[in-house]
Amino acid sequence: MEARLESIETNGDATALMHNIGARAQAAARMLALAEPRQKAAALRAAAKSIRKESGEILRANAEDLAAAHKEKATPSFIDRLMLNEARVAAMADGIETVAGVHDPVGEVIASWDRPNGLRIERVRTPLGVIAVIYESRPNVTADAGSLALKAGNAVILRGGSEGFRSARAIHAAMVGGLVSEGLPADAIQLVPTRDRAAVGLLLSGLDGMVDVVIPRGGKSLVGRVKAEARVPVFAHLEGVCHVYVHAPADLEMAKKIVLNAKMRRTGVCGAAETLLVDRKLAASHLKPLVQMLIDAGCEVRGDETTKKSDSRVVTANVEDWSTEYLDAIISVGVVDGLDAAISHIDQFGSHHTDSIVTDDKKSAEIFLNNVDSAIVLHNASTQFADGGEFGFGGEIGIATGRLHARGPVGAEQLTSFKYRIRGSGQTRPG
């Protein structure tokens, strides 16, 4: 593998390589579209078993990636996204097994009806075909994307970031071993075996019609490039500027628990809260305890004038802060004049990703849930539930914030399209 990799990178043979990968993916997709649900589930369980068996090799590869990242002085949030440990590898395998057990969407009849002329029409779920997933320093995406694509009968081409290349290769090798043991093609899940950046451009071009959809998983620059250059449909979100709004009346202890988890559980994930809004009616009772809690937990708080008065350690927030995805232990905190002002702020500065309201007022909560135009809206729960695994999907390829086809966590069902099956008894259309 290493010798072949070096040859590809040295000779610039990316075009031939990628077209070969695309052709093999198309052939695998045709087989997967007809695979029985039991076979796909068995292959995924075998892949999970293989990942557990190869956990030592996966962790060794990840240690090499981490050492290189530390040498390049990567940020703590970057290191957190890249890092694997025994628990995270086990969670990867658990996620694949969960995907194996969820409902298989392929062939499901979504709707059916009879026409007056006797025609029977059915709308049936079908695979998308070949999916390209382009991602950065998240080794778990290799497992999530591979398992979900396969569950939905799709072949997938994975192009991971150079920083996690060794980790992704070890995970991919383990997964493919499981698939092959159950009779599915190794080409069902392919990992681009080169760090040549030209490979990304070729995937975005659609490989002359061999790629049906592209899914980016990474930072703003990657997603922005994919959206700008892709010649095939894209499922993506550009940023996760997520909000928690504490609205009167609200239980302070619940609010503290939710806000701390939403911001600090994992600061580098797209569902991490980046802005805290507090109802002015609660400024006297809730603002100071919330701000103190965040700062004491190691989070920098950037606030408006009212927030600054609550704690001398608060830094002044500028206009850019309200629309910034920090992906770090930093949060913007502001006081707003009630529900309408909070919704207006989220609409102006948010990214339509995930937003939460903490309140005991169910009527206001319903207004928030109905009026905030985000892919995921929550009441009395942390924004860090923006995750396909937490939705019962087993995992996710990403969070889609567009309004077409897929929105929210992209699981197996979202990786299908549909066709119409029509059964007749000799009907012809009158002239």
Foldseek 3Di string as FASTA:
>chain_A
DVVVQVVCVVVVPLLVLLLVLLVLQQVLLVVLQPDDLVLLLQLLLLLLVLLLVCVVQLQVLLVVLLVVCVVVVHDPLLSVQQDDDNVNSNLLSQLSNLLSPDDQQFQDFPDWDADPVGKIKTKGWTFLEEEEEEEERHLSLLSQVLSQNSSLSGAYEYEYHPSNLSSNVSSLVSSLVSSVVSPRDSSSYHYRSYNPPVNVLCVLACSVVSHAEYEYYYAQVRVVVSVVRHPHHYFYFNAQAEEEEEAPPFDQVLVLVQLCCLAPVQLQDRLRHAEYEYEPVCLVPRLLVNVVSLVVVVAAEAEDPSSCVSDVRHHHDDPVSLQDSPSDRYHYYYYAHHLVRVLVSCVVRNRLAEYEYGYPDVVSLVVSVVRRNHLYYYYSHHSVCQFCVSVSLSGASHAGGDDPQDHGGHGNSSSIDIDMDMDDDDDDDDD
